[in-house]
Amino acid sequence: MTKPTEVNIAWWLCMSNTCTKLNDIGEERCKGCDAKLAKGATAWSVDINESGQCEGIDSKGKAVWNLHEAKRVDLSEARAERHLSL
C-alpha cells in the first residue's frame, strides 16, 4: 500500500464514521463498507497535524504522512447521535 501524501490522504482512509478501512490510492469505493471514497484532501475535515505526523519529503517532493490510528466508533452511540440530530 502506498503511503499517503497531503494530496491523496483522503483516498487512503474511508471517510465513513463507522468504517476504519484503509484503501489503496485511486480506489473509487471503500473495500470495507463500499462507500464512495472522497477525492483528494478536500474531504479531510480535521487539521492534518491532528491526524498524523509528517515523516519527510519523498523523491517527488511531496510530504509523506504517518497517520495516527483511526478512532473506533461504538455503533450504538453513533446511531443514537445521528437519530438525535435528525
PDB file of N, CA and C in Angstrom:
ATOM      1  N   MET A   1       0.844  -1.177   0.000  1.00  0.00           N
ATOM      2  CA  MET A   1       0.000   0.000   0.000  1.00  0.00           C
ATOM      3  C   MET A   1       0.889   1.240   0.000  1.00  0.00           C
ATOM      4  N   THR A   2       0.565   2.188  -0.811  1.00  0.00           N
ATOM      5  CA  THR A   2       1.321   3.430  -0.909  1.00  0.00           C
ATOM      6  C   THR A   2       1.040   4.312   0.296  1.00  0.00           C
ATOM      7  N   LYS A   3       2.080   4.927   0.851  1.00  0.00           N
ATOM      8  CA  LYS A   3       1.863   5.866   1.953  1.00  0.00           C
ATOM      9  C   LYS A   3       1.205   7.132   1.416  1.00  0.00           C
ATOM     10  N   PRO A   4       0.317   7.735   2.202  1.00  0.00           N
ATOM     11  CA  PRO A   4      -0.390   8.918   1.713  1.00  0.00           C
ATOM     12  C   PRO A   4       0.463  10.177   1.737  1.00  0.00           C
ATOM     13  N   THR A   5       0.126  11.109   0.881  1.00  0.00           N
ATOM     14  CA  THR A   5       0.701  12.451   0.914  1.00  0.00           C
ATOM     15  C   THR A   5      -0.435  13.410   1.226  1.00  0.00           C
ATOM     16  N   GLU A   6      -0.135  14.692   1.358  1.00  0.00           N
ATOM     17  CA  GLU A   6      -1.188  15.658   1.658  1.00  0.00           C
ATOM     18  C   GLU A   6      -2.223  15.727   0.546  1.00  0.00           C
ATOM     19  N   VAL A   7      -1.883  15.318  -0.655  1.00  0.00           N
ATOM     20  CA  VAL A   7      -2.800  15.387  -1.788  1.00  0.00           C
ATOM     21  C   VAL A   7      -3.740  14.186  -1.824  1.00  0.00           C
ATOM     22  N   ASN A   8      -3.240  13.005  -1.520  1.00  0.00           N
ATOM     23  CA  ASN A   8      -4.070  11.813  -1.677  1.00  0.00           C
ATOM     24  C   ASN A   8      -4.503  11.171  -0.365  1.00  0.00           C
ATOM     25  N   ILE A   9      -4.379  11.879   0.740  1.00  0.00           N
ATOM     26  CA  ILE A   9      -4.677  11.306   2.046  1.00  0.00           C
ATOM     27  C   ILE A   9      -6.135  10.871   2.163  1.00  0.00           C
ATOM     28  N   ALA A  10      -7.053  11.596   1.546  1.00  0.00           N
ATOM     29  CA  ALA A  10      -8.465  11.245   1.662  1.00  0.00           C
ATOM     30  C   ALA A  10      -8.815   9.989   0.873  1.00  0.00           C
ATOM     31  N   TRP A  11      -8.044   9.690  -0.152  1.00  0.00           N
ATOM     32  CA  TRP A  11      -8.274   8.437  -0.869  1.00  0.00           C
ATOM     33  C   TRP A  11      -7.926   7.250   0.017  1.00  0.00           C
ATOM     34  N   TRP A  12      -6.973   7.420   0.880  1.00  0.00           N
ATOM     35  CA  TRP A  12      -6.398   6.317   1.637  1.00  0.00           C
ATOM     36  C   TRP A  12      -7.306   5.823   2.747  1.00  0.00           C
ATOM     37  N   LEU A  13      -7.973   6.736   3.454  1.00  0.00           N
ATOM     38  CA  LEU A  13      -8.859   6.373   4.552  1.00  0.00           C
ATOM     39  C   LEU A  13     -10.310   6.554   4.150  1.00  0.00           C
ATOM     40  N   CYS A  14     -11.140   5.598   4.518  1.00  0.00           N
ATOM     41  CA  CYS A  14     -12.572   5.738   4.280  1.00  0.00           C
ATOM     42  C   CYS A  14     -13.080   6.883   5.155  1.00  0.00           C
ATOM     43  N   MET A  15     -13.933   7.746   4.616  1.00  0.00           N
ATOM     44  CA  MET A  15     -14.435   8.895   5.356  1.00  0.00           C
ATOM     45  C   MET A  15     -15.672   8.570   6.197  1.00  0.00           C
ATOM     46  N   SER A  16     -16.204   7.362   6.077  1.00  0.00           N
ATOM     47  CA  SER A  16     -17.374   6.975   6.856  1.00  0.00           C
ATOM     48  C   SER A  16     -17.004   6.909   8.335  1.00  0.00           C
ATOM     49  N   ASN A  17     -17.872   7.446   9.209  1.00  0.00           N
ATOM     50  CA  ASN A  17     -17.542   7.444  10.641  1.00  0.00           C
ATOM     51  C   ASN A  17     -17.747   6.078  11.286  1.00  0.00           C
ATOM     52  N   THR A  18     -18.245   5.107  10.540  1.00  0.00           N
ATOM     53  CA  THR A  18     -18.423   3.764  11.085  1.00  0.00           C
ATOM     54  C   THR A  18     -17.457   2.762  10.463  1.00  0.00           C
ATOM     55  N   CYS A  19     -16.504   3.239   9.671  1.00  0.00           N
ATOM     56  CA  CYS A  19     -15.565   2.352   8.980  1.00  0.00           C
ATOM     57  C   CYS A  19     -14.149   2.901   9.135  1.00  0.00           C
ATOM     58  N   THR A  20     -13.206   2.031   9.403  1.00  0.00           N
ATOM     59  CA  THR A  20     -11.811   2.463   9.524  1.00  0.00           C
ATOM     60  C   THR A  20     -10.925   1.743   8.519  1.00  0.00           C
ATOM     61  N   LYS A  21     -11.509   1.259   7.443  1.00  0.00           N
ATOM     62  CA  LYS A  21     -10.777   0.506   6.427  1.00  0.00           C
ATOM     63  C   LYS A  21      -9.781   1.400   5.700  1.00  0.00           C
ATOM     64  N   LEU A  22      -8.563   0.887   5.501  1.00  0.00           N
ATOM     65  CA  LEU A  22      -7.564   1.565   4.687  1.00  0.00           C
ATOM     66  C   LEU A  22      -7.730   1.086   3.258  1.00  0.00           C
ATOM     67  N   ASN A  23      -7.729   1.991   2.310  1.00  0.00           N
ATOM     68  CA  ASN A  23      -7.917   1.660   0.902  1.00  0.00           C
ATOM     69  C   ASN A  23      -6.702   2.062   0.096  1.00  0.00           C
ATOM     70  N   ASP A  24      -6.524   1.423  -1.043  1.00  0.00           N
ATOM     71  CA  ASP A  24      -5.444   1.800  -1.947  1.00  0.00           C
ATOM     72  C   ASP A  24      -5.777   3.124  -2.610  1.00  0.00           C
ATOM     73  N   ILE A  25      -4.763   3.931  -2.845  1.00  0.00           N
ATOM     74  CA  ILE A  25      -4.950   5.219  -3.501  1.00  0.00           C
ATOM     75  C   ILE A  25      -5.494   4.983  -4.898  1.00  0.00           C
ATOM     76  N   GLY A  26      -6.511   5.741  -5.265  1.00  0.00           N
ATOM     77  CA  GLY A  26      -7.118   5.610  -6.576  1.00  0.00           C
ATOM     78  C   GLY A  26      -8.363   4.747  -6.596  1.00  0.00           C
ATOM     79  N   GLU A  27      -8.668   4.050  -5.483  1.00  0.00           N
ATOM     80  CA  GLU A  27      -9.889   3.246  -5.434  1.00  0.00           C
ATOM     81  C   GLU A  27     -11.100   4.176  -5.479  1.00  0.00           C
ATOM     82  N   GLU A  28     -12.160   3.739  -6.128  1.00  0.00           N
ATOM     83  CA  GLU A  28     -13.396   4.523  -6.214  1.00  0.00           C
ATOM     84  C   GLU A  28     -14.304   4.288  -5.005  1.00  0.00           C
ATOM     85  N   ARG A  29     -14.305   3.037  -4.488  1.00  0.00           N
ATOM     86  CA  ARG A  29     -15.186   2.679  -3.388  1.00  0.00           C
ATOM     87  C   ARG A  29     -14.385   1.982  -2.291  1.00  0.00           C
ATOM     88  N   CYS A  30     -14.842   2.124  -1.052  1.00  0.00           N
ATOM     89  CA  CYS A  30     -14.185   1.507   0.102  1.00  0.00           C
ATOM     90  C   CYS A  30     -14.318  -0.013   0.036  1.00  0.00           C
ATOM     91  N   LYS A  31     -13.215  -0.709   0.325  1.00  0.00           N
ATOM     92  CA  LYS A  31     -13.240  -2.173   0.330  1.00  0.00           C
ATOM     93  C   LYS A  31     -13.984  -2.714   1.551  1.00  0.00           C
ATOM     94  N   GLY A  32     -14.092  -1.915   2.610  1.00  0.00           N
ATOM     95  CA  GLY A  32     -14.736  -2.372   3.836  1.00  0.00           C
ATOM     96  C   GLY A  32     -16.238  -2.184   3.860  1.00  0.00           C
ATOM     97  N   CYS A  33     -16.724  -1.019   3.410  1.00  0.00           N
ATOM     98  CA  CYS A  33     -18.159  -0.725   3.524  1.00  0.00           C
ATOM     99  C   CYS A  33     -18.789  -0.323   2.196  1.00  0.00           C
ATOM    100  N   ASP A  34     -18.023  -0.301   1.120  1.00  0.00           N
ATOM    101  CA  ASP A  34     -18.479   0.026  -0.229  1.00  0.00           C
ATOM    102  C   ASP A  34     -18.930   1.485  -0.375  1.00  0.00           C
ATOM    103  N   ALA A  35     -18.577   2.341   0.588  1.00  0.00           N
ATOM    104  CA  ALA A  35     -18.917   3.762   0.467  1.00  0.00           C
ATOM    105  C   ALA A  35     -18.069   4.389  -0.633  1.00  0.00           C
ATOM    106  N   LYS A  36     -18.617   5.392  -1.300  1.00  0.00           N
ATOM    107  CA  LYS A  36     -17.852   6.102  -2.316  1.00  0.00           C
ATOM    108  C   LYS A  36     -16.778   6.916  -1.599  1.00  0.00           C
ATOM    109  N   LEU A  37     -15.542   6.786  -2.050  1.00  0.00           N
ATOM    110  CA  LEU A  37     -14.441   7.497  -1.407  1.00  0.00           C
ATOM    111  C   LEU A  37     -14.371   8.930  -1.912  1.00  0.00           C
ATOM    112  N   ALA A  38     -14.048   9.839  -1.009  1.00  0.00           N
ATOM    113  CA  ALA A  38     -13.910  11.245  -1.365  1.00  0.00           C
ATOM    114  C   ALA A  38     -12.651  11.443  -2.186  1.00  0.00           C
ATOM    115  N   LYS A  39     -12.647  12.458  -3.024  1.00  0.00           N
ATOM    116  CA  LYS A  39     -11.488  12.728  -3.868  1.00  0.00           C
ATOM    117  C   LYS A  39     -10.584  13.767  -3.218  1.00  0.00           C
ATOM    118  N   GLY A  40      -9.336  13.402  -3.035  1.00  0.00           N
ATOM    119  CA  GLY A  40      -8.329  14.351  -2.575  1.00  0.00           C
ATOM    120  C   GLY A  40      -8.511  14.840  -1.159  1.00  0.00           C
ATOM    121  N   ALA A  41      -7.671  15.755  -0.753  1.00  0.00           N
ATOM    122  CA  ALA A  41      -7.637  16.235   0.625  1.00  0.00           C
ATOM    123  C   ALA A  41      -8.806  17.134   0.972  1.00  0.00           C
ATOM    124  N   THR A  42      -9.644  17.514   0.005  1.00  0.00           N
ATOM    125  CA  THR A  42     -10.787  18.373   0.312  1.00  0.00           C
ATOM    126  C   THR A  42     -11.771  17.690   1.252  1.00  0.00           C
ATOM    127  N   ALA A  43     -11.758  16.365   1.309  1.00  0.00           N
ATOM    128  CA  ALA A  43     -12.684  15.640   2.182  1.00  0.00           C
ATOM    129  C   ALA A  43     -12.182  15.569   3.615  1.00  0.00           C
ATOM    130  N   TRP A  44     -10.943  15.887   3.855  1.00  0.00           N
ATOM    131  CA  TRP A  44     -10.345  15.773   5.186  1.00  0.00           C
ATOM    132  C   TRP A  44     -10.831  16.914   6.045  1.00  0.00           C
ATOM    133  N   SER A  45     -11.602  16.623   7.086  1.00  0.00           N
ATOM    134  CA  SER A  45     -12.254  17.676   7.852  1.00  0.00           C
ATOM    135  C   SER A  45     -11.534  18.024   9.147  1.00  0.00           C
ATOM    136  N   VAL A  46     -10.420  17.386   9.427  1.00  0.00           N
ATOM    137  CA  VAL A  46      -9.682  17.648  10.652  1.00  0.00           C
ATOM    138  C   VAL A  46      -8.326  18.254  10.283  1.00  0.00           C
ATOM    139  N   ASP A  47      -7.769  19.032  11.169  1.00  0.00           N
ATOM    140  CA  ASP A  47      -6.441  19.600  10.935  1.00  0.00           C
ATOM    141  C   ASP A  47      -5.455  18.462  10.700  1.00  0.00           C
ATOM    142  N   ILE A  48      -4.678  18.535   9.652  1.00  0.00           N
ATOM    143  CA  ILE A  48      -3.775  17.452   9.268  1.00  0.00           C
ATOM    144  C   ILE A  48      -2.797  17.101  10.387  1.00  0.00           C
ATOM    145  N   ASN A  49      -2.401  18.061  11.204  1.00  0.00           N
ATOM    146  CA  ASN A  49      -1.469  17.785  12.295  1.00  0.00           C
ATOM    147  C   ASN A  49      -2.105  16.959  13.409  1.00  0.00           C
ATOM    148  N   GLU A  50      -3.445  16.970  13.504  1.00  0.00           N
ATOM    149  CA  GLU A  50      -4.137  16.138  14.484  1.00  0.00           C
ATOM    150  C   GLU A  50      -4.282  14.710  13.973  1.00  0.00           C
ATOM    151  N   SER A  51      -4.150  14.515  12.677  1.00  0.00           N
ATOM    152  CA  SER A  51      -4.363  13.212  12.053  1.00  0.00           C
ATOM    153  C   SER A  51      -3.106  12.378  11.972  1.00  0.00           C
ATOM    154  N   GLY A  52      -1.968  13.028  11.945  1.00  0.00           N
ATOM    155  CA  GLY A  52      -0.718  12.296  11.820  1.00  0.00           C
ATOM    156  C   GLY A  52       0.468  13.234  11.834  1.00  0.00           C
ATOM    157  N   GLN A  53       1.634  12.665  11.581  1.00  0.00           N
ATOM    158  CA  GLN A  53       2.856  13.459  11.568  1.00  0.00           C
ATOM    159  C   GLN A  53       3.553  13.303  10.229  1.00  0.00           C
ATOM    160  N   CYS A  54       4.109  14.389   9.761  1.00  0.00           N
ATOM    161  CA  CYS A  54       4.852  14.355   8.508  1.00  0.00           C
ATOM    162  C   CYS A  54       6.207  13.693   8.773  1.00  0.00           C
ATOM    163  N   GLU A  55       6.508  12.636   8.001  1.00  0.00           N
ATOM    164  CA  GLU A  55       7.776  11.921   8.169  1.00  0.00           C
ATOM    165  C   GLU A  55       8.882  12.491   7.304  1.00  0.00           C
ATOM    166  N   GLY A  56       8.530  13.359   6.384  1.00  0.00           N
ATOM    167  CA  GLY A  56       9.530  13.937   5.497  1.00  0.00           C
ATOM    168  C   GLY A  56       8.988  14.107   4.092  1.00  0.00           C
ATOM    169  N   ILE A  57       9.879  14.302   3.163  1.00  0.00           N
ATOM    170  CA  ILE A  57       9.522  14.546   1.769  1.00  0.00           C
ATOM    171  C   ILE A  57      10.001  13.367   0.926  1.00  0.00           C
ATOM    172  N   ASP A  58       9.126  12.885   0.014  1.00  0.00           N
ATOM    173  CA  ASP A  58       9.523  11.769  -0.844  1.00  0.00           C
ATOM    174  C   ASP A  58      10.341  12.265  -2.034  1.00  0.00           C
ATOM    175  N   SER A  59      10.723  11.353  -2.914  1.00  0.00           N
ATOM    176  CA  SER A  59      11.582  11.699  -4.053  1.00  0.00           C
ATOM    177  C   SER A  59      10.904  12.628  -5.056  1.00  0.00           C
ATOM    178  N   LYS A  60       9.571  12.740  -4.979  1.00  0.00           N
ATOM    179  CA  LYS A  60       8.835  13.635  -5.878  1.00  0.00           C
ATOM    180  C   LYS A  60       8.557  14.989  -5.238  1.00  0.00           C
ATOM    181  N   GLY A  61       9.080  15.200  -4.030  1.00  0.00           N
ATOM    182  CA  GLY A  61       8.899  16.477  -3.344  1.00  0.00           C
ATOM    183  C   GLY A  61       7.593  16.603  -2.584  1.00  0.00           C
ATOM    184  N   LYS A  62       6.897  15.491  -2.357  1.00  0.00           N
ATOM    185  CA  LYS A  62       5.626  15.526  -1.636  1.00  0.00           C
ATOM    186  C   LYS A  62       5.825  15.040  -0.207  1.00  0.00           C
ATOM    187  N   ALA A  63       5.042  15.609   0.708  1.00  0.00           N
ATOM    188  CA  ALA A  63       5.119  15.205   2.114  1.00  0.00           C
ATOM    189  C   ALA A  63       4.593  13.787   2.279  1.00  0.00           C
ATOM    190  N   VAL A  64       5.224  13.020   3.165  1.00  0.00           N
ATOM    191  CA  VAL A  64       4.782  11.661   3.485  1.00  0.00           C
ATOM    192  C   VAL A  64       4.312  11.673   4.932  1.00  0.00           C
ATOM    193  N   TRP A  65       3.075  11.194   5.159  1.00  0.00           N
ATOM    194  CA  TRP A  65       2.457  11.272   6.475  1.00  0.00           C
ATOM    195  C   TRP A  65       2.399   9.916   7.158  1.00  0.00           C
ATOM    196  N   ASN A  66       2.647   9.910   8.467  1.00  0.00           N
ATOM    197  CA  ASN A  66       2.434   8.751   9.322  1.00  0.00           C
ATOM    198  C   ASN A  66       1.151   9.041  10.093  1.00  0.00           C
ATOM    199  N   LEU A  67       0.067   8.371   9.723  1.00  0.00           N
ATOM    200  CA  LEU A  67      -1.238   8.669  10.311  1.00  0.00           C
ATOM    201  C   LEU A  67      -1.402   8.025  11.672  1.00  0.00           C
ATOM    202  N   HIS A  68      -2.128   8.720  12.566  1.00  0.00           N
ATOM    203  CA  HIS A  68      -2.495   8.142  13.853  1.00  0.00           C
ATOM    204  C   HIS A  68      -3.539   7.060  13.615  1.00  0.00           C
ATOM    205  N   GLU A  69      -3.671   6.156  14.551  1.00  0.00           N
ATOM    206  CA  GLU A  69      -4.679   5.101  14.460  1.00  0.00           C
ATOM    207  C   GLU A  69      -6.068   5.731  14.368  1.00  0.00           C
ATOM    208  N   ALA A  70      -6.881   5.226  13.483  1.00  0.00           N
ATOM    209  CA  ALA A  70      -8.248   5.734  13.329  1.00  0.00           C
ATOM    210  C   ALA A  70      -9.057   5.432  14.587  1.00  0.00           C
ATOM    211  N   LYS A  71      -9.966   6.341  14.932  1.00  0.00           N
ATOM    212  CA  LYS A  71     -10.810   6.137  16.102  1.00  0.00           C
ATOM    213  C   LYS A  71     -11.856   5.070  15.798  1.00  0.00           C
ATOM    214  N   ARG A  72     -12.082   4.207  16.766  1.00  0.00           N
ATOM    215  CA  ARG A  72     -13.167   3.229  16.657  1.00  0.00           C
ATOM    216  C   ARG A  72     -14.430   3.892  17.195  1.00  0.00           C
ATOM    217  N   VAL A  73     -15.543   3.646  16.561  1.00  0.00           N
ATOM    218  CA  VAL A  73     -16.802   4.257  16.964  1.00  0.00           C
ATOM    219  C   VAL A  73     -17.744   3.170  17.451  1.00  0.00           C
ATOM    220  N   ASP A  74     -18.346   3.381  18.622  1.00  0.00           N
ATOM    221  CA  ASP A  74     -19.377   2.476  19.114  1.00  0.00           C
ATOM    222  C   ASP A  74     -20.622   2.728  18.271  1.00  0.00           C
ATOM    223  N   LEU A  75     -21.044   1.734  17.504  1.00  0.00           N
ATOM    224  CA  LEU A  75     -22.154   1.931  16.571  1.00  0.00           C
ATOM    225  C   LEU A  75     -23.442   2.335  17.261  1.00  0.00           C
ATOM    226  N   SER A  76     -23.696   1.833  18.461  1.00  0.00           N
ATOM    227  CA  SER A  76     -24.928   2.209  19.154  1.00  0.00           C
ATOM    228  C   SER A  76     -24.909   3.692  19.510  1.00  0.00           C
ATOM    229  N   GLU A  77     -23.755   4.216  19.924  1.00  0.00           N
ATOM    230  CA  GLU A  77     -23.640   5.644  20.226  1.00  0.00           C
ATOM    231  C   GLU A  77     -23.745   6.478  18.956  1.00  0.00           C
ATOM    232  N   ALA A  78     -23.110   6.029  17.880  1.00  0.00           N
ATOM    233  CA  ALA A  78     -23.148   6.767  16.620  1.00  0.00           C
ATOM    234  C   ALA A  78     -24.572   6.848  16.096  1.00  0.00           C
ATOM    235  N   ARG A  79     -25.313   5.738  16.179  1.00  0.00           N
ATOM    236  CA  ARG A  79     -26.706   5.746  15.716  1.00  0.00           C
ATOM    237  C   ARG A  79     -27.556   6.663  16.582  1.00  0.00           C
ATOM    238  N   ALA A  80     -27.336   6.634  17.905  1.00  0.00           N
ATOM    239  CA  ALA A  80     -28.108   7.484  18.809  1.00  0.00           C
ATOM    240  C   ALA A  80     -27.842   8.953  18.522  1.00  0.00           C
ATOM    241  N   GLU A  81     -26.585   9.323  18.303  1.00  0.00           N
ATOM    242  CA  GLU A  81     -26.249  10.713  17.999  1.00  0.00           C
ATOM    243  C   GLU A  81     -26.880  11.147  16.686  1.00  0.00           C
ATOM    244  N   ARG A  82     -26.839  10.269  15.681  1.00  0.00           N
ATOM    245  CA  ARG A  82     -27.431  10.606  14.385  1.00  0.00           C
ATOM    246  C   ARG A  82     -28.939  10.769  14.521  1.00  0.00           C
ATOM    247  N   HIS A  83     -29.588   9.876  15.281  1.00  0.00           N
ATOM    248  CA  HIS A  83     -31.034   9.938  15.464  1.00  0.00           C
ATOM    249  C   HIS A  83     -31.429  11.241  16.163  1.00  0.00           C
ATOM    250  N   LEU A  84     -30.661  11.638  17.167  1.00  0.00           N
ATOM    251  CA  LEU A  84     -30.962  12.869  17.898  1.00  0.00           C
ATOM    252  C   LEU A  84     -30.791  14.106  17.029  1.00  0.00           C
ATOM    253  N   SER A  85     -29.866  14.052  16.071  1.00  0.00           N
ATOM    254  CA  SER A  85     -29.629  15.226  15.229  1.00  0.00           C
ATOM    255  C   SER A  85     -30.669  15.362  14.119  1.00  0.00           C
ATOM    256  N   LEU A  86     -31.436  14.307  13.864  1.00  0.00           N
ATOM    257  CA  LEU A  86     -32.462  14.357  12.806  1.00  0.00           C
ATOM    258  C   LEU A  86     -33.660  15.032  13.293  1.00  0.00           C
TER     259      LEU A  86
END
